[in-house]
Amino acid sequence: MTPSLEKLIGKFSSLPGIGRKSAVRLAYHVLSMPEEEARDFAEAITAAKKSVTLCPDCQIFSEGGRCGICSDPTRDRAVICVVEDTRSAEAIEELHEYHGLYHVLHGVISPMDGIGPDRLKIKELLSRLDGSVKEIIIATNPSVEGEATAMYLSRIIRPLGLKVTRPALGLPVGATLEYADGVTLLKALEGRTEY
């Protein structure tokens, strides 16, 4: 394998969720593209890196300043949903049911990876809590790191007199109790509602 091809494979495999086999497949695909298509692909990456920035308010990836959500005067400014990344906000938006604002942390607290609270967009979140905000929904993933981040945020936001909530966790529709893992079943019991 040539050094250039090995470098390309290395770059692809450095992406999250891309193992060596997938990286090799992607690298060979790029090499098989017509020259103009490969150049367009590279230019799209470069253009996105240059033009996509963070919304100064919510930290969602945006182009040209404030994002469409923060610019929308019909959004409920009393509620901010805190998520780990822009993809999580997009998933919630696809429901067309949430009408508040967002705040993207760009990660979670993970001491094993050397990521502390100072590496997240927490200061930016705190600067938004100006009195008009009444509720913070902490919608980090239900992983160990997501739970630790949620707990940390709750401890620093609750003393400000704001309502701090977390989306309910538990059994998905159509699931059976016998196949649920212990953590999911426990969260379902803890988050039970009156019927």
Foldseek 3Di string as FASTA:
>chain_A
DDPVLVVQLVVQCVDPPAHSVNSNVVSVVLVPDPPVVNVVVVVVVVVLVVFWFAALQAGATDGDHHHPLVVDPQAQAQEEEEEAHNVVVVVVVVVVPHRHHYHHQVHFDDVVVPDHSVSTCVVSVVVSVDPSHAEYEYEYDPDPRSVVRLVVSCVVVVVVVHHYHYDQAADDPPDDPVPDDPVRHVSCVVPDDDD
